[in-house]
Amino acid sequence: MGNRKRIEKTRREVLQQLVGAAAAVPLTRLLPAPAQAETGAADLTLRLARGQQKAPVARVKAPPAVESFSWQPPYRPEAALPENAVPLPILMYHRATVARVFEAQLAGMLAAGYRPLSLHSALKGLFGEEELPAMPIVLTFDDGWRIQYDAVFPVLKQYKVPATFFVMPGFHEHQEGYMDWDQLAAIADFGMEVESHTLNHADLPRLAKTDWGAVLAEVVISKQLLEERLGRTVRYFDYPRGYQNEQIRQVVQAAGYEAAVAIGPGVHQSAAVPYALRRIRVEAWDTWWSVAHKLNWYGAGPDQLNREEPEPAEG
């Protein structure tokens, strides 16, 4: 075994030992204090809680008022993936405002022939355990905003469409506007996936430079809390703002997550890259026309997926 392979093997073993040690510590001792930095470009600094000490939490800024706008293509093209990559668009939502606008968007997807899947079902298809349907699509919602429960969840229930919610468990105790445990239990009981988005929306690569214990707490304890309170296995992880690197991906894998979503952008996924699944950002106030154009831009829109192969010329 070469020196590089030995180092990599040792690194993985150490990570697994650290994750195991973090999982064995009582939650009350490892639970981090809430983040105390502004959202946006600044990272969310995290410190381990000491006793009953609590840090102030910056209020997350609301999105600008909904206004009509001309659709613009995404800001960068999709990066290359292995040849076996398949079109499996994963949409990334954040806050929602008007239920009827999201309903029109969802109705447009269904009318265009998309088949909404849970992330778990979609990944079973990606990994070859099941056959993916034609025109699959996955809806994911980040951060666990209360407005997602009020405006989005009723529409999903009405249309019987599965979705995945990535949440920061317990964050409602530090800041208003987030789903509480009863609301998370309600969407989970209906069949929605409730998965981990850390505890404090922390910038994990930046945090790892100063406090590996805090990184482990964000990744490991968020999973533990959700599993204990909701009574369900947490399989998937969502990197806050998509920030991740090889070290962070290894921690997520060692913590027992089966896959993780980033931002991408793009709609093509590969079973060889399960811990950096691509997503394209849409908003629940977008028109269906805007969403369809984003999907078309990346080659998984209604036009491309419905286009039949040309008949071979005779003679």
C-alpha atoms as a PDB file:
ATOM      1  CA  MET A   1       0.000   0.000   0.000  1.00  0.00           C
ATOM      2  CA  GLY A   2       1.408   3.380  -0.989  1.00  0.00           C
ATOM      3  CA  ASN A   3       2.100   6.108   1.524  1.00  0.00           C
ATOM      4  CA  ARG A   4      -0.827   8.213   0.292  1.00  0.00           C
ATOM      5  CA  LYS A   5      -3.256   5.299   0.650  1.00  0.00           C
ATOM      6  CA  ARG A   6      -1.996   4.563   4.154  1.00  0.00           C
ATOM      7  CA  ILE A   7      -2.518   8.188   5.180  1.00  0.00           C
ATOM      8  CA  GLU A   8      -6.010   8.189   3.704  1.00  0.00           C
ATOM      9  CA  LYS A   9      -6.917   4.937   5.470  1.00  0.00           C
ATOM     10  CA  THR A  10      -5.636   6.276   8.786  1.00  0.00           C
ATOM     11  CA  ARG A  11      -7.561   9.493   8.294  1.00  0.00           C
ATOM     12  CA  ARG A  12     -10.822   7.640   7.712  1.00  0.00           C
ATOM     13  CA  GLU A  13     -10.240   5.498  10.797  1.00  0.00           C
ATOM     14  CA  VAL A  14      -9.580   8.554  12.945  1.00  0.00           C
ATOM     15  CA  LEU A  15     -12.727  10.240  11.656  1.00  0.00           C
ATOM     16  CA  GLN A  16     -14.793   7.172  12.460  1.00  0.00           C
ATOM     17  CA  GLN A  17     -13.344   7.083  15.982  1.00  0.00           C
ATOM     18  CA  LEU A  18     -14.113  10.779  16.493  1.00  0.00           C
ATOM     19  CA  VAL A  19     -17.665  10.367  15.230  1.00  0.00           C
ATOM     20  CA  GLY A  20     -18.161   7.365  17.475  1.00  0.00           C
ATOM     21  CA  ALA A  21     -16.857   9.275  20.483  1.00  0.00           C
ATOM     22  CA  ALA A  22     -19.150  12.224  19.758  1.00  0.00           C
ATOM     23  CA  ALA A  23     -22.163   9.937  19.412  1.00  0.00           C
ATOM     24  CA  ALA A  24     -21.442   8.380  22.797  1.00  0.00           C
ATOM     25  CA  VAL A  25     -21.462  11.673  24.718  1.00  0.00           C
ATOM     26  CA  PRO A  26     -24.822  12.749  26.235  1.00  0.00           C
ATOM     27  CA  LEU A  27     -26.610  15.334  24.105  1.00  0.00           C
ATOM     28  CA  THR A  28     -26.813  17.847  26.945  1.00  0.00           C
ATOM     29  CA  ARG A  29     -23.034  17.983  27.106  1.00  0.00           C
ATOM     30  CA  LEU A  30     -22.309  18.355  23.395  1.00  0.00           C
ATOM     31  CA  LEU A  31     -25.253  20.449  22.233  1.00  0.00           C
ATOM     32  CA  PRO A  32     -23.798  23.619  20.672  1.00  0.00           C
ATOM     33  CA  ALA A  33     -24.980  27.103  21.478  1.00  0.00           C
ATOM     34  CA  PRO A  34     -26.933  28.889  18.734  1.00  0.00           C
ATOM     35  CA  ALA A  35     -24.970  30.641  16.031  1.00  0.00           C
ATOM     36  CA  GLN A  36     -24.179  34.297  16.570  1.00  0.00           C
ATOM     37  CA  ALA A  37     -23.157  35.775  13.232  1.00  0.00           C
ATOM     38  CA  GLU A  38     -25.112  37.484  10.484  1.00  0.00           C
ATOM     39  CA  THR A  39     -26.349  35.349   7.657  1.00  0.00           C
ATOM     40  CA  GLY A  40     -25.046  35.863   4.149  1.00  0.00           C
ATOM     41  CA  ALA A  41     -21.371  35.862   3.306  1.00  0.00           C
ATOM     42  CA  ALA A  42     -20.274  35.761   6.945  1.00  0.00           C
ATOM     43  CA  ASP A  43     -19.882  32.359   8.509  1.00  0.00           C
ATOM     44  CA  LEU A  44     -22.051  31.260  11.402  1.00  0.00           C
ATOM     45  CA  THR A  45     -19.676  30.897  14.349  1.00  0.00           C
ATOM     46  CA  LEU A  46     -20.463  28.118  16.783  1.00  0.00           C
ATOM     47  CA  ARG A  47     -19.296  27.480  20.346  1.00  0.00           C
ATOM     48  CA  LEU A  48     -20.101  24.514  22.540  1.00  0.00           C
ATOM     49  CA  ALA A  49     -22.627  25.307  25.225  1.00  0.00           C
ATOM     50  CA  ARG A  50     -21.411  25.538  28.799  1.00  0.00           C
ATOM     51  CA  GLY A  51     -24.152  24.833  31.272  1.00  0.00           C
ATOM     52  CA  GLN A  52     -27.132  27.092  30.580  1.00  0.00           C
ATOM     53  CA  GLN A  53     -25.138  29.678  28.655  1.00  0.00           C
ATOM     54  CA  LYS A  54     -26.913  30.935  25.556  1.00  0.00           C
ATOM     55  CA  ALA A  55     -25.668  33.211  22.821  1.00  0.00           C
ATOM     56  CA  PRO A  56     -27.853  35.706  20.916  1.00  0.00           C
ATOM     57  CA  VAL A  57     -29.048  34.628  17.493  1.00  0.00           C
ATOM     58  CA  ALA A  58     -29.029  37.003  14.556  1.00  0.00           C
ATOM     59  CA  ARG A  59     -32.390  37.314  12.820  1.00  0.00           C
ATOM     60  CA  VAL A  60     -32.356  35.824   9.333  1.00  0.00           C
ATOM     61  CA  LYS A  61     -33.381  38.426   6.801  1.00  0.00           C
ATOM     62  CA  ALA A  62     -36.622  37.803   4.959  1.00  0.00           C
ATOM     63  CA  PRO A  63     -36.524  37.563   1.160  1.00  0.00           C
ATOM     64  CA  PRO A  64     -37.415  40.665  -0.828  1.00  0.00           C
ATOM     65  CA  ALA A  65     -41.025  41.286  -1.754  1.00  0.00           C
ATOM     66  CA  VAL A  66     -42.319  39.162  -4.606  1.00  0.00           C
ATOM     67  CA  GLU A  67     -42.151  41.036  -7.875  1.00  0.00           C
ATOM     68  CA  SER A  68     -42.578  40.018 -11.493  1.00  0.00           C
ATOM     69  CA  PHE A  69     -39.285  39.590 -13.302  1.00  0.00           C
ATOM     70  CA  SER A  70     -37.871  38.315 -16.555  1.00  0.00           C
ATOM     71  CA  TRP A  71     -36.370  34.878 -16.332  1.00  0.00           C
ATOM     72  CA  GLN A  72     -32.590  34.762 -16.463  1.00  0.00           C
ATOM     73  CA  PRO A  73     -30.533  31.615 -17.034  1.00  0.00           C
ATOM     74  CA  PRO A  74     -28.580  30.207 -14.081  1.00  0.00           C
ATOM     75  CA  TYR A  75     -25.315  31.893 -13.332  1.00  0.00           C
ATOM     76  CA  ARG A  76     -22.989  29.073 -14.376  1.00  0.00           C
ATOM     77  CA  PRO A  77     -23.097  25.882 -16.425  1.00  0.00           C
ATOM     78  CA  GLU A  78     -23.242  22.394 -15.022  1.00  0.00           C
ATOM     79  CA  ALA A  79     -19.849  20.856 -14.327  1.00  0.00           C
ATOM     80  CA  ALA A  80     -18.878  17.557 -15.907  1.00  0.00           C
ATOM     81  CA  LEU A  81     -19.886  14.281 -14.284  1.00  0.00           C
ATOM     82  CA  PRO A  82     -19.048  10.626 -15.035  1.00  0.00           C
ATOM     83  CA  GLU A  83     -20.566   9.168 -18.188  1.00  0.00           C
ATOM     84  CA  ASN A  84     -23.076   7.120 -16.191  1.00  0.00           C
ATOM     85  CA  ALA A  85     -24.744  10.248 -14.746  1.00  0.00           C
ATOM     86  CA  VAL A  86     -28.508  10.414 -15.201  1.00  0.00           C
ATOM     87  CA  PRO A  87     -30.941  13.342 -15.291  1.00  0.00           C
ATOM     88  CA  LEU A  88     -32.416  13.524 -11.793  1.00  0.00           C
ATOM     89  CA  PRO A  89     -33.302  17.132 -10.977  1.00  0.00           C
ATOM     90  CA  ILE A  90     -33.385  18.036  -7.291  1.00  0.00           C
ATOM     91  CA  LEU A  91     -35.047  21.382  -6.628  1.00  0.00           C
ATOM     92  CA  MET A  92     -33.865  23.477  -3.679  1.00  0.00           C
ATOM     93  CA  TYR A  93     -36.457  25.727  -2.029  1.00  0.00           C
ATOM     94  CA  HIS A  94     -36.123  28.020   0.951  1.00  0.00           C
ATOM     95  CA  ARG A  95     -38.884  30.277   2.197  1.00  0.00           C
ATOM     96  CA  ALA A  96     -42.357  30.229   0.645  1.00  0.00           C
ATOM     97  CA  THR A  97     -44.924  33.000   0.729  1.00  0.00           C
ATOM     98  CA  VAL A  98     -48.061  32.294  -1.278  1.00  0.00           C
ATOM     99  CA  ALA A  99     -49.576  28.816  -1.313  1.00  0.00           C
ATOM    100  CA  ARG A 100     -51.477  29.344  -4.566  1.00  0.00           C
ATOM    101  CA  VAL A 101     -48.281  30.302  -6.431  1.00  0.00           C
ATOM    102  CA  PHE A 102     -46.518  27.157  -5.264  1.00  0.00           C
ATOM    103  CA  GLU A 103     -49.621  25.131  -6.128  1.00  0.00           C
ATOM    104  CA  ALA A 104     -49.574  26.497  -9.692  1.00  0.00           C
ATOM    105  CA  GLN A 105     -45.907  25.587  -9.947  1.00  0.00           C
ATOM    106  CA  LEU A 106     -46.533  22.058  -8.680  1.00  0.00           C
ATOM    107  CA  ALA A 107     -49.518  21.607 -10.988  1.00  0.00           C
ATOM    108  CA  GLY A 108     -47.298  22.676 -13.882  1.00  0.00           C
ATOM    109  CA  MET A 109     -44.724  20.020 -13.009  1.00  0.00           C
ATOM    110  CA  LEU A 110     -47.352  17.292 -12.884  1.00  0.00           C
ATOM    111  CA  ALA A 111     -48.996  18.437 -16.114  1.00  0.00           C
ATOM    112  CA  ALA A 112     -45.602  18.432 -17.855  1.00  0.00           C
ATOM    113  CA  GLY A 113     -45.144  14.776 -16.904  1.00  0.00           C
ATOM    114  CA  TYR A 114     -42.733  15.028 -13.975  1.00  0.00           C
ATOM    115  CA  ARG A 115     -42.918  12.296 -11.348  1.00  0.00           C
ATOM    116  CA  PRO A 116     -42.110  13.722  -7.896  1.00  0.00           C
ATOM    117  CA  LEU A 117     -40.159  11.291  -5.734  1.00  0.00           C
ATOM    118  CA  SER A 118     -38.887  11.301  -2.198  1.00  0.00           C
ATOM    119  CA  LEU A 119     -35.125  11.682  -2.027  1.00  0.00           C
ATOM    120  CA  HIS A 120     -34.915   8.126  -0.684  1.00  0.00           C
ATOM    121  CA  SER A 121     -36.845   6.658  -3.631  1.00  0.00           C
ATOM    122  CA  ALA A 122     -34.867   8.729  -6.118  1.00  0.00           C
ATOM    123  CA  LEU A 123     -31.536   7.575  -4.703  1.00  0.00           C
ATOM    124  CA  LYS A 124     -32.617   3.934  -4.726  1.00  0.00           C
ATOM    125  CA  GLY A 125     -33.148   4.449  -8.437  1.00  0.00           C
ATOM    126  CA  LEU A 126     -29.816   6.223  -8.826  1.00  0.00           C
ATOM    127  CA  PHE A 127     -28.004   3.400  -7.008  1.00  0.00           C
ATOM    128  CA  GLY A 128     -29.678   0.765  -9.174  1.00  0.00           C
ATOM    129  CA  GLU A 129     -31.861  -0.735  -6.442  1.00  0.00           C
ATOM    130  CA  GLU A 130     -35.035   0.283  -8.256  1.00  0.00           C
ATOM    131  CA  GLU A 131     -35.883   1.599 -11.696  1.00  0.00           C
ATOM    132  CA  LEU A 132     -36.220   5.352 -11.984  1.00  0.00           C
ATOM    133  CA  PRO A 133     -39.461   6.498 -13.623  1.00  0.00           C
ATOM    134  CA  ALA A 134     -39.442   8.749 -16.645  1.00  0.00           C
ATOM    135  CA  MET A 135     -38.989  12.420 -15.742  1.00  0.00           C
ATOM    136  CA  PRO A 136     -38.200  12.053 -12.028  1.00  0.00           C
ATOM    137  CA  ILE A 137     -37.935  15.148  -9.858  1.00  0.00           C
ATOM    138  CA  VAL A 138     -37.214  15.706  -6.156  1.00  0.00           C
ATOM    139  CA  LEU A 139     -38.450  18.651  -4.087  1.00  0.00           C
ATOM    140  CA  THR A 140     -36.285  19.696  -1.133  1.00  0.00           C
ATOM    141  CA  PHE A 141     -36.887  22.520   1.347  1.00  0.00           C
ATOM    142  CA  ASP A 142     -34.062  23.998   3.405  1.00  0.00           C
ATOM    143  CA  ASP A 143     -33.875  25.475   6.916  1.00  0.00           C
ATOM    144  CA  GLY A 144     -37.213  24.345   8.368  1.00  0.00           C
ATOM    145  CA  TRP A 145     -39.049  27.665   8.083  1.00  0.00           C
ATOM    146  CA  ARG A 146     -42.506  27.792   9.672  1.00  0.00           C
ATOM    147  CA  ILE A 147     -43.897  29.230   6.424  1.00  0.00           C
ATOM    148  CA  GLN A 148     -43.039  25.930   4.739  1.00  0.00           C
ATOM    149  CA  TYR A 149     -45.419  24.227   7.152  1.00  0.00           C
ATOM    150  CA  ASP A 150     -48.126  26.852   6.675  1.00  0.00           C
ATOM    151  CA  ALA A 151     -47.975  27.414   2.913  1.00  0.00           C
ATOM    152  CA  VAL A 152     -46.197  24.428   1.328  1.00  0.00           C
ATOM    153  CA  PHE A 153     -47.155  21.399   3.395  1.00  0.00           C
ATOM    154  CA  PRO A 154     -50.932  21.756   2.760  1.00  0.00           C
ATOM    155  CA  VAL A 155     -50.320  21.847  -0.997  1.00  0.00           C
ATOM    156  CA  LEU A 156     -48.062  18.806  -0.856  1.00  0.00           C
ATOM    157  CA  LYS A 157     -50.729  16.963   1.135  1.00  0.00           C
ATOM    158  CA  GLN A 158     -53.456  17.956  -1.312  1.00  0.00           C
ATOM    159  CA  TYR A 159     -51.515  16.651  -4.309  1.00  0.00           C
ATOM    160  CA  LYS A 160     -50.014  13.729  -2.364  1.00  0.00           C
ATOM    161  CA  VAL A 161     -46.523  14.764  -3.471  1.00  0.00           C
ATOM    162  CA  PRO A 162     -43.510  13.688  -1.390  1.00  0.00           C
ATOM    163  CA  ALA A 163     -40.812  16.151  -0.387  1.00  0.00           C
ATOM    164  CA  THR A 164     -37.696  16.339   1.767  1.00  0.00           C
ATOM    165  CA  PHE A 165     -37.253  18.964   4.487  1.00  0.00           C
ATOM    166  CA  PHE A 166     -33.733  19.705   5.717  1.00  0.00           C
ATOM    167  CA  VAL A 167     -33.986  21.290   9.157  1.00  0.00           C
ATOM    168  CA  MET A 168     -31.915  22.503  12.112  1.00  0.00           C
ATOM    169  CA  PRO A 169     -33.455  20.586  15.026  1.00  0.00           C
ATOM    170  CA  GLY A 170     -34.295  22.762  18.011  1.00  0.00           C
ATOM    171  CA  PHE A 171     -33.532  26.016  16.190  1.00  0.00           C
ATOM    172  CA  HIS A 172     -37.080  27.272  16.907  1.00  0.00           C
ATOM    173  CA  GLU A 173     -36.083  27.496  20.571  1.00  0.00           C
ATOM    174  CA  HIS A 174     -33.565  30.233  19.740  1.00  0.00           C
ATOM    175  CA  GLN A 175     -35.292  32.095  16.946  1.00  0.00           C
ATOM    176  CA  GLU A 176     -38.847  32.637  15.786  1.00  0.00           C
ATOM    177  CA  GLY A 177     -40.086  31.591  12.367  1.00  0.00           C
ATOM    178  CA  TYR A 178     -38.997  27.951  12.376  1.00  0.00           C
ATOM    179  CA  MET A 179     -40.970  24.730  12.711  1.00  0.00           C
ATOM    180  CA  ASP A 180     -41.233  23.333  16.213  1.00  0.00           C
ATOM    181  CA  TRP A 181     -41.105  19.646  17.127  1.00  0.00           C
ATOM    182  CA  ASP A 182     -44.863  19.147  16.791  1.00  0.00           C
ATOM    183  CA  GLN A 183     -44.833  20.566  13.272  1.00  0.00           C
ATOM    184  CA  LEU A 184     -41.806  18.498  12.262  1.00  0.00           C
ATOM    185  CA  ALA A 185     -43.554  15.417  13.643  1.00  0.00           C
ATOM    186  CA  ALA A 186     -46.681  16.261  11.647  1.00  0.00           C
ATOM    187  CA  ILE A 187     -44.883  16.428   8.314  1.00  0.00           C
ATOM    188  CA  ALA A 188     -42.874  13.304   9.142  1.00  0.00           C
ATOM    189  CA  ASP A 189     -46.008  11.399  10.154  1.00  0.00           C
ATOM    190  CA  PHE A 190     -47.577  12.264   6.808  1.00  0.00           C
ATOM    191  CA  GLY A 191     -44.626  10.670   5.044  1.00  0.00           C
ATOM    192  CA  MET A 192     -42.371  13.622   4.292  1.00  0.00           C
ATOM    193  CA  GLU A 193     -38.652  13.152   4.879  1.00  0.00           C
ATOM    194  CA  VAL A 194     -37.159  15.257   7.682  1.00  0.00           C
ATOM    195  CA  GLU A 195     -33.373  15.280   7.406  1.00  0.00           C
ATOM    196  CA  SER A 196     -30.389  17.132   8.875  1.00  0.00           C
ATOM    197  CA  HIS A 197     -29.175  20.618   7.963  1.00  0.00           C
ATOM    198  CA  THR A 198     -26.802  20.893  10.987  1.00  0.00           C
ATOM    199  CA  LEU A 199     -27.793  22.546  14.270  1.00  0.00           C
ATOM    200  CA  ASN A 200     -26.843  26.154  13.551  1.00  0.00           C
ATOM    201  CA  HIS A 201     -26.531  26.489   9.761  1.00  0.00           C
ATOM    202  CA  ALA A 202     -22.783  26.473  10.295  1.00  0.00           C
ATOM    203  CA  ASP A 203     -20.111  26.973   7.633  1.00  0.00           C
ATOM    204  CA  LEU A 204     -18.531  23.573   8.217  1.00  0.00           C
ATOM    205  CA  PRO A 205     -15.269  23.922   6.229  1.00  0.00           C
ATOM    206  CA  ARG A 206     -14.489  27.217   7.936  1.00  0.00           C
ATOM    207  CA  LEU A 207     -15.491  25.901  11.352  1.00  0.00           C
ATOM    208  CA  ALA A 208     -13.215  22.881  10.865  1.00  0.00           C
ATOM    209  CA  LYS A 209     -10.188  25.185  10.832  1.00  0.00           C
ATOM    210  CA  THR A 210     -10.713  26.082  14.483  1.00  0.00           C
ATOM    211  CA  ASP A 211     -13.025  23.565  16.170  1.00  0.00           C
ATOM    212  CA  TRP A 212     -13.405  19.978  14.968  1.00  0.00           C
ATOM    213  CA  GLY A 213     -15.509  19.155  18.020  1.00  0.00           C
ATOM    214  CA  ALA A 214     -18.077  21.710  16.919  1.00  0.00           C
ATOM    215  CA  VAL A 215     -18.118  20.239  13.410  1.00  0.00           C
ATOM    216  CA  LEU A 216     -18.808  16.792  14.842  1.00  0.00           C
ATOM    217  CA  ALA A 217     -21.575  18.222  17.005  1.00  0.00           C
ATOM    218  CA  GLU A 218     -23.221  19.888  14.013  1.00  0.00           C
ATOM    219  CA  VAL A 219     -23.138  16.703  11.941  1.00  0.00           C
ATOM    220  CA  VAL A 220     -23.618  13.973  14.541  1.00  0.00           C
ATOM    221  CA  ILE A 221     -25.920  15.539  17.116  1.00  0.00           C
ATOM    222  CA  SER A 222     -28.333  17.014  14.580  1.00  0.00           C
ATOM    223  CA  LYS A 223     -28.879  13.448  13.331  1.00  0.00           C
ATOM    224  CA  GLN A 224     -29.270  12.085  16.864  1.00  0.00           C
ATOM    225  CA  LEU A 225     -31.790  14.730  17.905  1.00  0.00           C
ATOM    226  CA  LEU A 226     -33.999  14.194  14.869  1.00  0.00           C
ATOM    227  CA  GLU A 227     -33.938  10.422  15.261  1.00  0.00           C
ATOM    228  CA  GLU A 228     -34.726  10.560  18.980  1.00  0.00           C
ATOM    229  CA  ARG A 229     -37.528  13.116  18.721  1.00  0.00           C
ATOM    230  CA  LEU A 230     -39.148  11.857  15.502  1.00  0.00           C
ATOM    231  CA  GLY A 231     -38.464   8.151  15.871  1.00  0.00           C
ATOM    232  CA  ARG A 232     -37.162   7.810  12.313  1.00  0.00           C
ATOM    233  CA  THR A 233     -33.832   7.090  10.710  1.00  0.00           C
ATOM    234  CA  VAL A 234     -32.108  10.210   9.355  1.00  0.00           C
ATOM    235  CA  ARG A 235     -30.313   9.229   6.157  1.00  0.00           C
ATOM    236  CA  TYR A 236     -29.432  12.463   4.387  1.00  0.00           C
ATOM    237  CA  PHE A 237     -27.478  15.639   5.068  1.00  0.00           C
ATOM    238  CA  ASP A 238     -27.622  19.130   3.610  1.00  0.00           C
ATOM    239  CA  TYR A 239     -24.481  21.324   3.700  1.00  0.00           C
ATOM    240  CA  PRO A 240     -25.430  24.871   4.753  1.00  0.00           C
ATOM    241  CA  ARG A 241     -25.001  27.140   1.723  1.00  0.00           C
ATOM    242  CA  GLY A 242     -23.546  24.125  -0.057  1.00  0.00           C
ATOM    243  CA  TYR A 243     -20.161  24.665   1.608  1.00  0.00           C
ATOM    244  CA  GLN A 244     -18.247  21.401   1.772  1.00  0.00           C
ATOM    245  CA  ASN A 245     -14.920  19.790   0.948  1.00  0.00           C
ATOM    246  CA  GLU A 246     -13.419  16.308   1.059  1.00  0.00           C
ATOM    247  CA  GLN A 247     -12.869  16.434   4.825  1.00  0.00           C
ATOM    248  CA  ILE A 248     -16.462  17.434   5.520  1.00  0.00           C
ATOM    249  CA  ARG A 249     -17.811  14.826   3.122  1.00  0.00           C
ATOM    250  CA  GLN A 250     -15.815  12.150   4.958  1.00  0.00           C
ATOM    251  CA  VAL A 251     -17.232  13.289   8.313  1.00  0.00           C
ATOM    252  CA  VAL A 252     -20.769  13.143   6.933  1.00  0.00           C
ATOM    253  CA  GLN A 253     -20.170   9.657   5.574  1.00  0.00           C
ATOM    254  CA  ALA A 254     -18.563   8.458   8.825  1.00  0.00           C
ATOM    255  CA  ALA A 255     -21.551   9.810  10.794  1.00  0.00           C
ATOM    256  CA  GLY A 256     -23.784   7.314   9.019  1.00  0.00           C
ATOM    257  CA  TYR A 257     -25.487   9.465   6.401  1.00  0.00           C
ATOM    258  CA  GLU A 258     -26.179   7.650   3.129  1.00  0.00           C
ATOM    259  CA  ALA A 259     -25.921  10.738   0.913  1.00  0.00           C
ATOM    260  CA  ALA A 260     -25.742  14.534   1.063  1.00  0.00           C
ATOM    261  CA  VAL A 261     -27.009  17.394  -1.055  1.00  0.00           C
ATOM    262  CA  ALA A 262     -25.079  20.475  -2.053  1.00  0.00           C
ATOM    263  CA  ILE A 263     -26.102  23.241  -4.445  1.00  0.00           C
ATOM    264  CA  GLY A 264     -24.517  22.186  -7.715  1.00  0.00           C
ATOM    265  CA  PRO A 265     -25.705  23.601  -9.900  1.00  0.00           C
ATOM    266  CA  GLY A 266     -27.086  20.992 -12.248  1.00  0.00           C
ATOM    267  CA  VAL A 267     -29.616  18.208 -12.636  1.00  0.00           C
ATOM    268  CA  HIS A 268     -27.429  15.216 -13.496  1.00  0.00           C
ATOM    269  CA  GLN A 269     -26.496  12.865 -10.668  1.00  0.00           C
ATOM    270  CA  SER A 270     -24.063   9.979 -10.416  1.00  0.00           C
ATOM    271  CA  ALA A 271     -23.994   7.071  -7.978  1.00  0.00           C
ATOM    272  CA  ALA A 272     -20.232   7.700  -7.815  1.00  0.00           C
ATOM    273  CA  VAL A 273     -20.845  11.097  -6.158  1.00  0.00           C
ATOM    274  CA  PRO A 274     -23.452  10.456  -3.426  1.00  0.00           C
ATOM    275  CA  TYR A 275     -22.142  13.057  -0.961  1.00  0.00           C
ATOM    276  CA  ALA A 276     -22.316  16.057  -3.285  1.00  0.00           C
ATOM    277  CA  LEU A 277     -25.668  15.702  -5.053  1.00  0.00           C
ATOM    278  CA  ARG A 278     -26.478  18.648  -7.262  1.00  0.00           C
ATOM    279  CA  ARG A 279     -29.491  20.891  -6.846  1.00  0.00           C
ATOM    280  CA  ILE A 280     -30.853  23.904  -8.665  1.00  0.00           C
ATOM    281  CA  ARG A 281     -32.348  26.734  -6.668  1.00  0.00           C
ATOM    282  CA  VAL A 282     -35.938  27.694  -7.244  1.00  0.00           C
ATOM    283  CA  GLU A 283     -38.348  29.583  -5.052  1.00  0.00           C
ATOM    284  CA  ALA A 284     -41.924  28.826  -4.157  1.00  0.00           C
ATOM    285  CA  TRP A 285     -42.924  32.195  -5.634  1.00  0.00           C
ATOM    286  CA  ASP A 286     -41.393  31.442  -9.045  1.00  0.00           C
ATOM    287  CA  THR A 287     -43.771  30.875 -11.919  1.00  0.00           C
ATOM    288  CA  TRP A 288     -43.871  27.396 -13.410  1.00  0.00           C
ATOM    289  CA  TRP A 289     -42.601  28.932 -16.634  1.00  0.00           C
ATOM    290  CA  SER A 290     -39.463  30.114 -14.830  1.00  0.00           C
ATOM    291  CA  VAL A 291     -38.860  26.707 -13.232  1.00  0.00           C
ATOM    292  CA  ALA A 292     -39.344  24.923 -16.568  1.00  0.00           C
ATOM    293  CA  HIS A 293     -36.787  27.193 -18.210  1.00  0.00           C
ATOM    294  CA  LYS A 294     -34.247  26.469 -15.481  1.00  0.00           C
ATOM    295  CA  LEU A 295     -34.772  22.744 -15.996  1.00  0.00           C
ATOM    296  CA  ASN A 296     -34.457  23.182 -19.763  1.00  0.00           C
ATOM    297  CA  TRP A 297     -31.236  25.141 -19.279  1.00  0.00           C
ATOM    298  CA  TYR A 298     -29.644  22.125 -17.622  1.00  0.00           C
ATOM    299  CA  GLY A 299     -31.065  19.578 -20.037  1.00  0.00           C
ATOM    300  CA  ALA A 300     -33.802  18.021 -17.917  1.00  0.00           C
ATOM    301  CA  GLY A 301     -36.757  20.183 -18.847  1.00  0.00           C
ATOM    302  CA  PRO A 302     -40.035  19.078 -20.406  1.00  0.00           C
ATOM    303  CA  ASP A 303     -38.769  19.706 -23.926  1.00  0.00           C
ATOM    304  CA  GLN A 304     -35.691  17.510 -23.662  1.00  0.00           C
ATOM    305  CA  LEU A 305     -37.316  14.725 -21.671  1.00  0.00           C
ATOM    306  CA  ASN A 306     -40.361  14.479 -23.930  1.00  0.00           C
ATOM    307  CA  ARG A 307     -38.399  14.584 -27.138  1.00  0.00           C
ATOM    308  CA  GLU A 308     -38.511  11.238 -28.934  1.00  0.00           C
ATOM    309  CA  GLU A 309     -35.511   9.755 -30.694  1.00  0.00           C
ATOM    310  CA  PRO A 310     -35.683  10.336 -34.466  1.00  0.00           C
ATOM    311  CA  GLU A 311     -36.782   7.412 -36.571  1.00  0.00           C
ATOM    312  CA  PRO A 312     -33.905   5.849 -38.564  1.00  0.00           C
ATOM    313  CA  ALA A 313     -33.963   6.670 -42.263  1.00  0.00           C
ATOM    314  CA  GLU A 314     -35.125   3.879 -44.531  1.00  0.00           C
ATOM    315  CA  GLY A 315     -33.032   2.546 -47.350  1.00  0.00           C
END
